Amino acid sequence: MNILGIASPFGHDHSACIIAGGKVVAAAEEERFTRKKHAEGQSPVNAIKYCLKEAGLSPQDIDYIAYPWSLEALREKRGEYFWRTIFKRPSRAYKRFFRNRKSFRQQLNFIATALKECGFDIEKVKIEWVEHHIAHIASSYYLSGTENAGLLSMDAGGEVTSTLLAYGQDKKIYKIKEIIAPDSLGNFYSTMTDYLGFKRSNGEYKVMGMAPYGESGKIDLSHMVWWDDRRKTYFCSDDYVWVERSRRYRKDKVYSRKMVEEFGPPREGDDLAKPYIHIARATQDKLEEITLKLVEVYLRGCLEKHEGRLCFSGGVALNVALNRKLLESGLVRRLWVQPASHDAGGSLGAGVYLAVKLGEPVEEMTHVYLGPAFSNREIEEEIRRYGFRFSYEKDICEKVSQLLYRGEVVGWFQGRMEWGPRALGNRSILGNPTIKGTADKINAQIKFREKWRPFCPSILKEFAQEILKTSHPAPFMTIAFRVNPSWQERIAEVVHVDGTCRPQVVEREINPKFYRVIENFYHKTGVPVVINTSLNRRGEPIVCSPKDALEMFKGSGLKYLAIGDFLVSK
């Protein structure tokens, strides 16, 4: 069975994937091809064409289209949404209740337009409409390799649901609790992201990175988001969280004039300052508090039954600090987070959900290298067009390890592009974590981003337990861990201010070429860790093609780019 999953239903983070015979053979986000961050306002045409080409399929070979949005789910919950919003947000209440058929036509038109441009006969395609949060849950549960687990999906909102708690047993999903927008931890966090001067739906990870600089208890947000013991759920204040346009501080912002009156003018610039660092800390604390309460109330039983296994997806699941708290809570012993937990991952979730529904066993996701790859011939042709100096290296891994040992920063472009927002050793910038100032250099001269932003370590698997003081798997940079104090000074450039890091544990069998770079570096330094950050500049998607990499190289302070078996230099 050949299934094409496409996303997203909400005008951003468009993507495509193909599942053939239960195996994910290709997956990519549209932004990588169009070079527009989050592909806002676009459709996944390039991603679909790539996936078909990679899978060796034509449009006629596709049996089903899977899509992470459901009219049935919208109609089922529209009444609950209506009564929650009618008094404070009447226009939204009426729109969702009475115009759901219009919403369906808009989604169908989006699908039809994309498919027609890719050569599909829209009259012949079979579309499976998968509830948005079920797709998110499927993207983690069915690819985690576990039969039974607690399940959690959290984001700004799907059809109308913002949070879904469930359990998985024998590859079936059973709902436990749904929370309806506008009560949404995703919207709460995005609202605070907006106020703190970052771009919502893109800068939430910056709030997470800023939070450790602040102090808990300095700012009280309990009137914005709170837990109700009687109703056993959380609520968000309509006066603060993603407010109606008439109450916004500015039309292009989602926070209210009331918030500005209470906390002061919104943050501007790139520096850390009070009270904003304390507001960031309060935001992160509130997210963790409410999420842990939800897990305790609704998932404790199934977690105890299934050895503490939790599968987590939805945009909120990309909050690695929250994920660390889940593991430290004692409720969760094994956490599996979909690497593309944001809305782009909906294409994959809808696809694997349909595959399981049709009776096909789905393979466990052990890597994310599902995007395009390029041959040395293609790479060399592009380098010559740009006119850069370059050399062919018989052992590019050894050459790069030598440069890192000397303190150089190196772009690393190899193999198939990663799926999801993290660079995991195929479209990366690498550095030496033992040399003070390397992180500042990358931020200032190459990435052009805030100087206080942390970088991630890629660690050889054999040393991960010693450095992280845990044997918990960490292949995808989806969980933060506390760094062993004995290692914090040795690899200070990848340790955040709170003593944590967001690691990628690298296995030889999964990515042998990247593993050899780190292994060679270890033989020279005694440190089995390199700095790993995405190969892109601020505000740009991670590079996809050799052309993208060379453009980025040309426009940054990067001196070396290892691309295929070639070393390009300035």
Protein backbone atom coordinates (compact mmCIF):
# COMPACT_ATOMS: atom_id res chain seq x y z
CA MET A 1 0.00 0.00 0.00
CA ASN A 2 1.37 3.44 -1.00
CA ILE A 3 0.17 6.32 1.16
CA LEU A 4 0.95 10.00 0.59
CA GLY A 5 0.58 12.12 3.70
CA ILE A 6 0.32 15.88 3.26
CA ALA A 7 0.05 18.80 5.69
CA SER A 8 -0.65 21.31 7.11
CA PRO A 9 -4.30 22.37 7.34
CA PHE A 10 -3.50 25.71 8.96
CA GLY A 11 -1.52 27.64 6.36
CA HIS A 12 1.99 26.98 7.67
CA ASP A 13 4.56 24.21 8.10
CA HIS A 14 3.48 22.35 4.98
CA SER A 15 5.04 18.96 4.35
CA ALA A 16 4.69 15.62 2.64
CA CYS A 17 5.69 12.03 3.26
CA ILE A 18 5.27 8.63 1.65
CA ILE A 19 4.68 5.40 3.54
CA ALA A 20 5.13 2.35 1.31
CA GLY A 21 4.43 -1.08 2.73
CA GLY A 22 4.54 0.32 6.27
CA LYS A 23 7.94 1.96 5.78
CA VAL A 24 8.50 5.72 5.77
CA VAL A 25 10.57 6.12 2.61
CA ALA A 26 10.57 9.92 2.25
CA ALA A 27 9.49 12.99 4.21
CA ALA A 28 10.28 16.67 3.83
CA GLU A 29 9.01 20.14 4.67
CA GLU A 30 8.09 22.58 1.92
CA GLU A 31 10.14 25.38 3.49
CA ARG A 32 13.37 23.57 2.60
CA PHE A 33 12.57 23.85 -1.11
CA THR A 34 11.03 27.34 -1.25
CA ARG A 35 13.44 28.83 1.35
CA LYS A 36 10.54 30.56 3.12
CA LYS A 37 10.49 29.82 6.85
CA HIS A 38 7.47 27.68 7.77
CA ALA A 39 6.26 27.92 4.13
CA GLU A 40 3.51 30.29 5.25
CA GLY A 41 0.79 30.64 2.64
CA GLN A 42 2.33 27.98 0.43
CA SER A 43 1.34 24.40 -0.37
CA PRO A 44 3.54 21.28 -0.24
CA VAL A 45 4.00 20.93 -4.00
CA ASN A 46 7.80 20.62 -3.97
CA ALA A 47 7.70 18.28 -0.98
CA ILE A 48 5.16 16.02 -2.72
CA LYS A 49 7.20 15.93 -5.93
CA TYR A 50 10.36 15.08 -4.01
CA CYS A 51 8.66 12.28 -2.06
CA LEU A 52 7.26 10.72 -5.23
CA LYS A 53 10.66 10.88 -6.91
CA GLU A 54 12.49 9.43 -3.92
CA ALA A 55 9.99 6.59 -3.62
CA GLY A 56 10.11 5.90 -7.36
CA LEU A 57 6.34 6.36 -7.64
CA SER A 58 3.99 8.25 -9.93
CA PRO A 59 0.73 9.88 -8.82
CA GLN A 60 -1.12 6.87 -10.23
CA ASP A 61 0.79 4.58 -7.84
CA ILE A 62 -0.60 6.30 -4.73
CA ASP A 63 -3.47 4.37 -3.13
CA TYR A 64 -4.51 6.93 -0.50
CA ILE A 65 -3.98 10.53 0.53
CA ALA A 66 -3.84 11.03 4.31
CA TYR A 67 -4.60 14.48 5.73
CA PRO A 68 -4.48 15.64 9.39
CA TRP A 69 -7.85 17.41 9.64
CA SER A 70 -11.37 16.08 10.13
CA LEU A 71 -14.79 17.65 9.59
CA GLU A 72 -16.26 14.90 11.75
CA ALA A 73 -14.02 15.92 14.68
CA LEU A 74 -14.93 19.58 14.20
CA ARG A 75 -18.65 18.81 14.25
CA GLU A 76 -18.31 16.54 17.26
CA LYS A 77 -16.71 19.24 19.41
CA ARG A 78 -18.16 22.44 17.92
CA GLY A 79 -20.86 22.73 20.57
CA GLU A 80 -18.35 22.62 23.39
CA TYR A 81 -16.24 25.25 21.61
CA PHE A 82 -19.35 27.39 21.03
CA TRP A 83 -20.33 27.59 24.70
CA ARG A 84 -16.73 28.22 25.77
CA THR A 85 -16.34 31.18 23.39
CA ILE A 86 -19.77 32.72 22.81
CA PHE A 87 -19.58 35.35 25.55
CA LYS A 88 -16.02 36.63 24.99
CA ARG A 89 -15.38 35.65 21.36
CA PRO A 90 -18.81 35.52 19.70
CA SER A 91 -17.59 35.89 16.12
CA ARG A 92 -15.28 32.88 16.51
CA ALA A 93 -18.03 30.88 18.21
CA TYR A 94 -20.50 31.43 15.35
CA LYS A 95 -17.88 30.83 12.68
CA ARG A 96 -16.82 27.46 14.06
CA PHE A 97 -20.39 26.34 14.74
CA PHE A 98 -22.14 27.42 11.56
CA ARG A 99 -19.37 27.54 8.94
CA ASN A 100 -17.74 24.15 9.32
CA ARG A 101 -18.87 23.10 5.85
CA LYS A 102 -17.03 26.13 4.49
CA SER A 103 -13.94 25.05 6.43
CA PHE A 104 -14.21 21.63 4.82
CA ARG A 105 -14.41 23.13 1.33
CA GLN A 106 -11.32 25.24 2.06
CA GLN A 107 -9.36 22.19 3.16
CA LEU A 108 -10.51 20.18 0.16
CA ASN A 109 -9.54 23.01 -2.18
CA PHE A 110 -6.09 23.18 -0.57
CA ILE A 111 -5.56 19.45 -1.13
CA ALA A 112 -6.91 19.54 -4.68
CA THR A 113 -4.76 22.50 -5.71
CA ALA A 114 -1.55 20.88 -4.44
CA LEU A 115 -2.32 17.48 -5.93
CA LYS A 116 -3.31 18.82 -9.34
CA GLU A 117 -0.01 20.70 -9.59
CA CYS A 118 1.75 17.39 -8.91
CA GLY A 119 -0.08 15.51 -11.66
CA PHE A 120 -2.85 13.82 -9.68
CA ASP A 121 -6.36 13.29 -11.00
CA ILE A 122 -8.31 14.72 -8.10
CA GLU A 123 -11.44 12.81 -9.14
CA LYS A 124 -9.67 9.50 -8.57
CA VAL A 125 -7.78 10.07 -5.32
CA LYS A 126 -8.99 8.57 -2.07
CA ILE A 127 -8.63 10.94 0.88
CA GLU A 128 -8.50 9.78 4.49
CA TRP A 129 -9.37 12.63 6.87
CA VAL A 130 -7.54 12.05 10.15
CA GLU A 131 -8.38 14.04 13.27
CA HIS A 132 -5.54 16.51 13.85
CA HIS A 133 -4.49 15.39 17.34
CA ILE A 134 -4.96 11.74 16.47
CA ALA A 135 -2.47 12.33 13.65
CA HIS A 136 -0.03 13.92 16.11
CA ILE A 137 -0.42 11.01 18.52
CA ALA A 138 -0.02 8.47 15.72
CA SER A 139 3.22 10.16 14.65
CA SER A 140 4.75 9.38 18.03
CA TYR A 141 2.97 6.20 19.14
CA TYR A 142 3.12 4.15 15.95
CA LEU A 143 6.74 5.07 15.23
CA SER A 144 8.04 4.63 18.79
CA GLY A 145 8.40 0.86 18.61
CA THR A 146 6.20 0.31 21.66
CA GLU A 147 2.87 -1.52 21.81
CA ASN A 148 1.46 0.09 24.97
CA ALA A 149 1.99 3.60 26.36
CA GLY A 150 0.42 6.79 27.64
CA LEU A 151 -0.20 9.26 24.82
CA LEU A 152 -0.16 13.05 24.85
CA SER A 153 -0.62 15.69 22.14
CA MET A 154 -0.51 19.42 22.83
CA ASP A 155 -0.39 22.41 20.48
CA ALA A 156 -2.21 25.67 19.80
CA GLY A 157 -5.24 23.82 18.47
CA GLY A 158 -6.47 21.38 15.88
CA GLU A 159 -10.03 21.43 14.60
CA VAL A 160 -10.97 22.87 18.02
CA THR A 161 -9.03 20.61 20.40
CA SER A 162 -5.79 21.91 21.92
CA THR A 163 -4.84 18.99 24.17
CA LEU A 164 -5.54 15.27 23.87
CA LEU A 165 -4.63 12.69 26.49
CA ALA A 166 -5.03 9.04 25.57
CA TYR A 167 -3.49 5.62 25.91
CA GLY A 168 -2.25 3.19 23.32
CA GLN A 169 -2.78 -0.52 23.70
CA ASP A 170 -2.06 -3.18 21.10
CA LYS A 171 -1.68 -0.46 18.45
CA LYS A 172 -5.09 1.07 19.14
CA ILE A 173 -5.62 4.62 20.42
CA TYR A 174 -8.15 5.25 23.21
CA LYS A 175 -9.07 8.82 24.16
CA ILE A 176 -9.12 9.79 27.83
CA LYS A 177 -9.50 13.58 27.90
CA GLU A 178 -9.77 16.43 25.39
CA ILE A 179 -9.35 20.11 26.18
CA ILE A 180 -10.90 22.59 23.79
CA ALA A 181 -9.40 25.87 22.58
CA PRO A 182 -9.13 28.72 23.44
CA ASP A 183 -7.92 26.95 26.58
CA SER A 184 -4.58 26.11 25.03
CA LEU A 185 -1.11 25.85 26.48
CA GLY A 186 0.24 26.22 22.97
CA ASN A 187 -1.59 29.53 22.50
CA PHE A 188 -0.51 30.67 25.96
CA TYR A 189 3.14 30.04 25.20
CA SER A 190 2.86 31.68 21.76
CA THR A 191 1.20 34.74 23.29
CA MET A 192 4.08 35.16 25.71
CA THR A 193 6.53 34.55 22.85
CA ASP A 194 4.90 37.43 21.00
CA TYR A 195 5.10 39.73 24.04
CA LEU A 196 8.75 38.82 24.65
CA GLY A 197 9.69 40.11 21.21
CA PHE A 198 10.01 36.85 19.28
CA LYS A 199 8.01 35.66 16.31
CA ARG A 200 5.20 33.41 17.45
CA SER A 201 5.13 29.91 15.99
CA ASN A 202 8.86 30.31 15.45
CA GLY A 203 10.42 31.83 18.57
CA GLU A 204 8.96 29.69 21.33
CA TYR A 205 12.26 27.84 21.71
CA LYS A 206 13.90 31.22 22.37
CA VAL A 207 11.57 31.79 25.31
CA MET A 208 12.55 28.34 26.56
CA GLY A 209 16.22 29.28 26.18
CA MET A 210 15.73 32.61 27.95
CA ALA A 211 13.81 31.13 30.88
CA PRO A 212 16.83 29.79 32.85
CA TYR A 213 18.21 33.34 33.09
CA GLY A 214 15.13 34.37 35.07
CA GLU A 215 14.08 33.64 38.62
CA SER A 216 11.03 31.61 39.58
CA GLY A 217 8.43 33.40 41.69
CA LYS A 218 9.26 36.92 40.47
CA ILE A 219 6.25 37.02 38.12
CA ASP A 220 2.80 35.59 38.83
CA LEU A 221 0.88 34.27 35.81
CA SER A 222 -1.77 32.35 37.75
CA HIS A 223 -4.47 34.77 36.57
CA MET A 224 -3.57 33.98 32.95
CA VAL A 225 -3.49 30.17 33.16
CA TRP A 226 -4.73 28.10 36.08
CA TRP A 227 -5.74 24.60 37.11
CA ASP A 228 -9.31 23.96 38.25
CA ASP A 229 -9.40 21.08 40.74
CA ARG A 230 -13.17 20.70 40.56
CA ARG A 231 -13.30 20.38 36.78
CA LYS A 232 -9.91 18.67 36.56
CA THR A 233 -8.69 20.81 33.71
CA TYR A 234 -6.89 24.07 33.00
CA PHE A 235 -8.24 27.38 31.74
CA CYS A 236 -6.71 30.33 29.91
CA SER A 237 -7.88 33.89 30.49
CA ASP A 238 -9.58 35.49 27.49
CA ASP A 239 -8.21 38.83 28.71
CA TYR A 240 -4.59 37.79 28.10
CA VAL A 241 -4.16 34.70 25.91
CA TRP A 242 -4.51 35.14 22.12
CA VAL A 243 -7.07 37.90 22.62
CA GLU A 244 -9.71 39.20 20.22
CA ARG A 245 -8.48 41.83 17.77
CA SER A 246 -10.41 44.63 19.48
CA ARG A 247 -8.37 44.13 22.68
CA ARG A 248 -4.94 43.62 21.16
CA TYR A 249 -2.03 45.93 21.88
CA ARG A 250 -1.40 46.04 18.13
CA LYS A 251 -3.34 44.45 15.30
CA ASP A 252 -0.41 42.20 14.35
CA LYS A 253 0.09 40.98 17.94
CA VAL A 254 -1.97 38.50 19.97
CA TYR A 255 -1.32 39.89 23.47
CA SER A 256 -3.63 42.47 25.01
CA ARG A 257 -3.33 46.08 26.01
CA LYS A 258 -4.13 44.84 29.51
CA MET A 259 -0.96 42.70 29.52
CA VAL A 260 1.16 45.70 28.55
CA GLU A 261 -0.47 47.81 31.27
CA GLU A 262 0.38 45.12 33.81
CA PHE A 263 3.89 44.04 32.77
CA GLY A 264 5.16 47.07 30.87
CA PRO A 265 6.09 47.62 27.22
CA PRO A 266 6.82 44.53 25.13
CA ARG A 267 10.44 43.46 24.88
CA GLU A 268 12.59 44.70 21.99
CA GLY A 269 16.12 43.90 20.83
CA ASP A 270 18.31 40.83 21.37
CA ASP A 271 19.69 41.33 24.87
CA LEU A 272 18.61 39.78 28.15
CA ALA A 273 16.89 42.21 30.50
CA LYS A 274 14.58 42.35 33.50
CA PRO A 275 11.65 41.83 33.90
CA TYR A 276 11.54 39.89 30.64
CA ILE A 277 13.82 37.08 31.77
CA HIS A 278 11.56 36.60 34.80
CA ILE A 279 8.46 36.59 32.57
CA ALA A 280 10.09 33.95 30.37
CA ARG A 281 10.84 31.86 33.46
CA ALA A 282 7.26 32.23 34.72
CA THR A 283 5.97 31.18 31.29
CA GLN A 284 8.08 28.03 31.27
CA ASP A 285 7.19 27.25 34.89
CA LYS A 286 3.46 27.55 34.15
CA LEU A 287 3.72 25.27 31.11
CA GLU A 288 5.52 22.64 33.17
CA GLU A 289 3.14 22.95 36.12
CA ILE A 290 -0.03 22.44 34.07
CA THR A 291 1.40 19.69 31.87
CA LEU A 292 2.61 17.69 34.85
CA LYS A 293 -0.80 18.10 36.47
CA LEU A 294 -2.52 16.77 33.34
CA VAL A 295 -0.21 13.77 33.19
CA GLU A 296 -0.70 13.03 36.88
CA VAL A 297 -4.49 13.26 36.75
CA TYR A 298 -5.19 11.51 33.46
CA LEU A 299 -2.21 9.32 32.60
CA ARG A 300 -0.84 8.07 35.92
CA GLY A 301 -2.77 4.80 35.71
CA CYS A 302 -1.67 3.82 32.22
CA LEU A 303 1.89 4.97 32.87
CA GLU A 304 2.08 2.73 35.93
CA LYS A 305 0.61 -0.13 33.93
CA HIS A 306 3.00 0.32 31.01
CA GLU A 307 6.33 0.91 32.78
CA GLY A 308 6.18 4.69 32.53
CA ARG A 309 6.19 4.84 28.72
CA LEU A 310 4.87 8.11 27.28
CA CYS A 311 4.64 9.11 23.61
CA PHE A 312 4.42 12.87 23.12
CA SER A 313 3.74 15.02 20.07
CA GLY A 314 2.20 18.33 18.98
CA GLY A 315 4.09 21.61 18.87
CA VAL A 316 4.45 21.82 22.66
CA ALA A 317 6.38 18.52 22.59
CA LEU A 318 9.34 20.39 21.06
CA ASN A 319 9.86 22.10 24.43
CA VAL A 320 12.88 20.09 25.56
CA ALA A 321 12.94 21.64 29.04
CA LEU A 322 9.37 20.47 29.62
CA ASN A 323 10.36 17.01 28.44
CA ARG A 324 13.18 16.93 30.99
CA LYS A 325 10.66 17.77 33.72
CA LEU A 326 8.42 14.93 32.58
CA LEU A 327 11.29 12.48 32.97
CA GLU A 328 12.29 13.92 36.32
CA SER A 329 8.70 13.77 37.65
CA GLY A 330 8.88 10.06 38.45
CA LEU A 331 5.71 9.45 36.43
CA VAL A 332 7.51 8.98 33.11
CA ARG A 333 10.39 6.54 32.72
CA ARG A 334 10.61 6.36 28.92
CA LEU A 335 9.68 9.33 26.75
CA TRP A 336 9.44 9.13 22.96
CA VAL A 337 8.94 12.45 21.18
CA GLN A 338 8.24 12.70 17.45
CA PRO A 339 11.21 14.65 15.98
CA ALA A 340 8.78 16.66 13.80
CA SER A 341 6.19 17.25 16.50
CA HIS A 342 4.98 20.54 15.04
CA ASP A 343 2.28 20.72 12.37
CA ALA A 344 4.64 19.56 9.62
CA GLY A 345 4.64 16.20 11.39
CA GLY A 346 0.91 15.90 10.74
CA SER A 347 1.56 14.48 7.28
CA LEU A 348 3.56 11.64 8.76
CA GLY A 349 1.07 11.06 11.57
CA ALA A 350 -1.91 10.92 9.22
CA GLY A 351 0.00 8.57 6.93
CA VAL A 352 1.05 6.06 9.58
CA TYR A 353 -2.39 6.21 11.21
CA LEU A 354 -3.95 5.16 7.91
CA ALA A 355 -1.31 2.46 7.36
CA VAL A 356 -2.09 0.89 10.74
CA LYS A 357 -5.82 1.23 10.09
CA LEU A 358 -5.36 -0.71 6.85
CA GLY A 359 -3.53 -3.47 8.70
CA GLU A 360 0.05 -2.71 7.70
CA PRO A 361 2.78 -2.99 10.35
CA VAL A 362 4.70 0.29 10.60
CA GLU A 363 8.46 0.22 11.11
CA GLU A 364 9.96 1.94 14.15
CA MET A 365 11.54 5.32 13.42
CA THR A 366 15.24 4.99 14.20
CA HIS A 367 16.49 7.96 12.17
CA VAL A 368 15.26 11.13 10.47
CA TYR A 369 17.31 11.06 7.28
CA LEU A 370 14.33 11.11 4.93
CA GLY A 371 15.06 14.11 2.69
CA PRO A 372 17.05 14.67 -0.51
CA ALA A 373 20.66 13.57 -1.02
CA PHE A 374 23.12 14.71 -3.68
CA SER A 375 25.99 12.99 -5.46
CA ASN A 376 29.60 14.20 -5.52
CA ARG A 377 29.11 15.02 -9.20
CA GLU A 378 26.14 17.27 -8.49
CA ILE A 379 28.00 18.91 -5.61
CA GLU A 380 31.17 19.55 -7.61
CA GLU A 381 29.22 21.14 -10.45
CA GLU A 382 27.59 23.55 -8.02
CA ILE A 383 30.88 24.43 -6.30
CA ARG A 384 32.48 25.24 -9.65
CA ARG A 385 29.58 27.50 -10.58
CA TYR A 386 30.20 29.50 -7.39
CA GLY A 387 33.95 29.67 -7.99
CA PHE A 388 35.05 28.77 -4.46
CA ARG A 389 38.38 27.14 -3.68
CA PHE A 390 37.89 23.47 -2.93
CA SER A 391 39.70 20.18 -2.61
CA TYR A 392 38.66 16.57 -2.86
CA GLU A 393 39.35 14.74 0.42
CA LYS A 394 39.96 11.01 0.55
CA ASP A 395 38.84 11.04 4.20
CA ILE A 396 36.55 14.02 4.78
CA CYS A 397 35.78 12.83 8.32
CA GLU A 398 39.44 12.95 9.35
CA LYS A 399 39.93 16.33 7.68
CA VAL A 400 36.98 17.87 9.49
CA SER A 401 38.08 16.43 12.84
CA GLN A 402 41.50 18.08 12.32
CA LEU A 403 39.86 21.44 11.64
CA LEU A 404 37.68 21.12 14.73
CA TYR A 405 40.71 20.20 16.82
CA ARG A 406 42.39 23.42 15.63
CA GLY A 407 39.35 25.42 16.76
CA GLU A 408 37.82 25.99 13.34
CA VAL A 409 34.05 25.98 12.75
CA VAL A 410 32.97 23.77 9.84
CA GLY A 411 29.78 23.46 7.82
CA TRP A 412 28.84 19.80 7.37
CA PHE A 413 26.58 18.77 4.45
CA GLN A 414 26.21 15.02 3.91
CA GLY A 415 23.69 12.41 2.80
CA ARG A 416 19.92 12.80 3.10
CA MET A 417 18.47 15.91 4.72
CA GLU A 418 16.90 15.57 8.16
CA TRP A 419 13.15 15.46 8.79
CA GLY A 420 12.02 17.94 11.45
CA PRO A 421 13.50 21.15 12.84
CA ARG A 422 16.75 19.71 14.25
CA ALA A 423 20.02 19.27 12.38
CA LEU A 424 21.23 15.80 13.33
CA GLY A 425 24.54 15.51 11.56
CA ASN A 426 23.68 15.84 7.87
CA ARG A 427 22.95 19.59 7.55
CA SER A 428 24.97 20.93 10.48
CA ILE A 429 27.53 23.46 11.63
CA LEU A 430 30.16 21.81 13.82
CA GLY A 431 32.50 23.28 16.42
CA ASN A 432 34.90 22.42 19.24
CA PRO A 433 33.04 22.43 22.60
CA THR A 434 36.27 22.66 24.63
CA ILE A 435 37.46 26.04 23.28
CA LYS A 436 35.94 29.01 25.06
CA GLY A 437 34.27 31.49 22.75
CA THR A 438 33.38 29.03 20.00
CA ALA A 439 29.65 29.37 20.65
CA ASP A 440 29.89 33.18 20.66
CA LYS A 441 31.78 33.04 17.37
CA ILE A 442 29.12 30.89 15.72
CA ASN A 443 26.31 33.11 17.01
CA ALA A 444 27.93 36.37 15.99
CA GLN A 445 29.74 35.58 12.74
CA ILE A 446 27.86 32.66 11.21
CA LYS A 447 24.33 32.29 12.56
CA PHE A 448 23.79 36.03 13.25
CA ARG A 449 21.57 35.30 16.23
CA GLU A 450 21.24 36.24 19.91
CA LYS A 451 24.52 35.75 21.78
CA TRP A 452 22.86 34.06 24.76
CA ARG A 453 21.35 31.22 22.71
CA PRO A 454 22.77 27.77 23.60
CA PHE A 455 24.10 25.12 21.24
CA CYS A 456 23.63 21.37 21.28
CA PRO A 457 26.16 18.58 21.71
CA SER A 458 26.38 15.51 19.52
CA ILE A 459 27.79 12.72 21.71
CA LEU A 460 29.12 9.27 20.89
CA LYS A 461 26.70 6.70 22.29
CA GLU A 462 29.39 4.89 24.28
CA PHE A 463 29.99 8.00 26.41
CA ALA A 464 26.46 9.35 26.70
CA GLN A 465 25.59 7.74 30.02
CA GLU A 466 28.74 9.12 31.66
CA ILE A 467 28.15 12.65 30.36
CA LEU A 468 24.37 12.81 30.83
CA LYS A 469 24.10 10.52 33.87
CA THR A 470 21.28 8.59 32.24
CA SER A 471 20.81 5.68 29.87
CA HIS A 472 17.64 7.18 28.42
CA PRO A 473 17.70 7.23 24.60
CA ALA A 474 18.34 10.66 23.07
CA PRO A 475 18.75 10.34 19.29
CA PHE A 476 16.73 13.37 18.14
CA MET A 477 17.53 16.40 20.36
CA THR A 478 14.01 16.31 21.78
CA ILE A 479 14.87 16.15 25.49
CA ALA A 480 17.12 18.24 27.71
CA PHE A 481 19.30 16.50 30.32
CA ARG A 482 21.46 17.72 33.17
CA VAL A 483 25.14 17.43 32.34
CA ASN A 484 27.34 15.53 34.75
CA PRO A 485 29.15 18.23 36.81
CA SER A 486 32.48 16.57 36.04
CA TRP A 487 31.85 17.26 32.33
CA GLN A 488 30.35 20.74 32.49
CA GLU A 489 33.68 22.60 32.34
CA ARG A 490 35.15 20.26 29.72
CA ILE A 491 32.32 20.91 27.24
CA ALA A 492 31.20 24.30 28.51
CA GLU A 493 30.27 25.59 25.03
CA VAL A 494 27.30 23.19 24.86
CA VAL A 495 26.10 23.52 28.46
CA HIS A 496 23.31 26.02 29.11
CA VAL A 497 23.30 28.41 32.05
CA ASP A 498 21.17 25.96 34.08
CA GLY A 499 23.63 23.09 33.62
CA THR A 500 21.57 21.29 30.99
CA CYS A 501 22.02 20.43 27.33
CA ARG A 502 19.84 19.19 24.47
CA PRO A 503 21.91 16.28 23.15
CA GLN A 504 21.97 14.05 20.13
CA VAL A 505 23.39 10.66 21.00
CA VAL A 506 25.08 9.38 17.85
CA GLU A 507 25.24 5.69 16.94
CA ARG A 508 27.68 4.27 14.41
CA GLU A 509 24.96 2.12 12.81
CA ILE A 510 22.60 5.06 12.27
CA ASN A 511 24.99 7.71 10.91
CA PRO A 512 28.44 6.17 10.35
CA LYS A 513 29.96 9.19 8.61
CA PHE A 514 29.00 11.68 11.33
CA TYR A 515 30.01 9.16 13.99
CA ARG A 516 33.51 8.96 12.48
CA VAL A 517 33.96 12.73 12.65
CA ILE A 518 33.21 12.71 16.38
CA GLU A 519 35.25 9.54 16.94
CA ASN A 520 38.29 11.05 15.22
CA PHE A 521 37.84 14.24 17.22
CA TYR A 522 37.72 12.13 20.40
CA HIS A 523 41.01 10.42 19.52
CA LYS A 524 42.65 13.85 19.26
CA THR A 525 41.10 15.52 22.32
CA GLY A 526 39.74 12.86 24.67
CA VAL A 527 36.32 14.53 24.27
CA PRO A 528 33.63 12.48 22.44
CA VAL A 529 31.46 15.54 21.78
CA VAL A 530 31.14 18.21 19.11
CA ILE A 531 29.01 21.34 18.90
CA ASN A 532 26.18 20.73 16.46
CA THR A 533 23.83 23.46 15.23
CA SER A 534 21.76 23.70 12.08
CA LEU A 535 23.31 24.76 8.78
CA ASN A 536 21.40 28.00 8.24
CA ARG A 537 21.41 31.65 9.16
CA ARG A 538 18.94 33.40 11.42
CA GLY A 539 15.43 33.43 9.98
CA GLU A 540 16.20 30.89 7.25
CA PRO A 541 15.20 27.23 6.94
CA ILE A 542 17.91 24.59 7.26
CA VAL A 543 19.64 24.18 3.91
CA CYS A 544 18.46 21.45 1.58
CA SER A 545 20.59 21.49 -1.58
CA PRO A 546 24.26 22.19 -2.39
CA LYS A 547 23.14 25.53 -3.82
CA ASP A 548 21.47 26.44 -0.51
CA ALA A 549 24.60 25.45 1.42
CA LEU A 550 26.90 27.49 -0.82
CA GLU A 551 24.63 30.52 -0.64
CA MET A 552 24.67 30.29 3.15
CA PHE A 553 28.47 29.82 3.08
CA LYS A 554 28.90 32.87 0.86
CA GLY A 555 26.74 35.08 3.08
CA SER A 556 28.22 34.15 6.46
CA GLY A 557 31.50 34.14 8.32
CA LEU A 558 31.89 30.38 7.85
CA LYS A 559 35.41 29.59 6.57
CA TYR A 560 35.04 25.88 5.82
CA LEU A 561 32.27 23.78 4.32
CA ALA A 562 32.59 19.99 4.10
CA ILE A 563 30.08 19.07 1.41
CA GLY A 564 30.11 15.52 0.18
CA ASP A 565 33.77 14.56 -0.13
CA PHE A 566 34.82 18.14 -0.90
CA LEU A 567 36.20 20.78 1.44
CA VAL A 568 35.26 24.30 0.34
CA SER A 569 37.22 27.16 1.90
CA LYS A 570 37.53 30.94 1.86
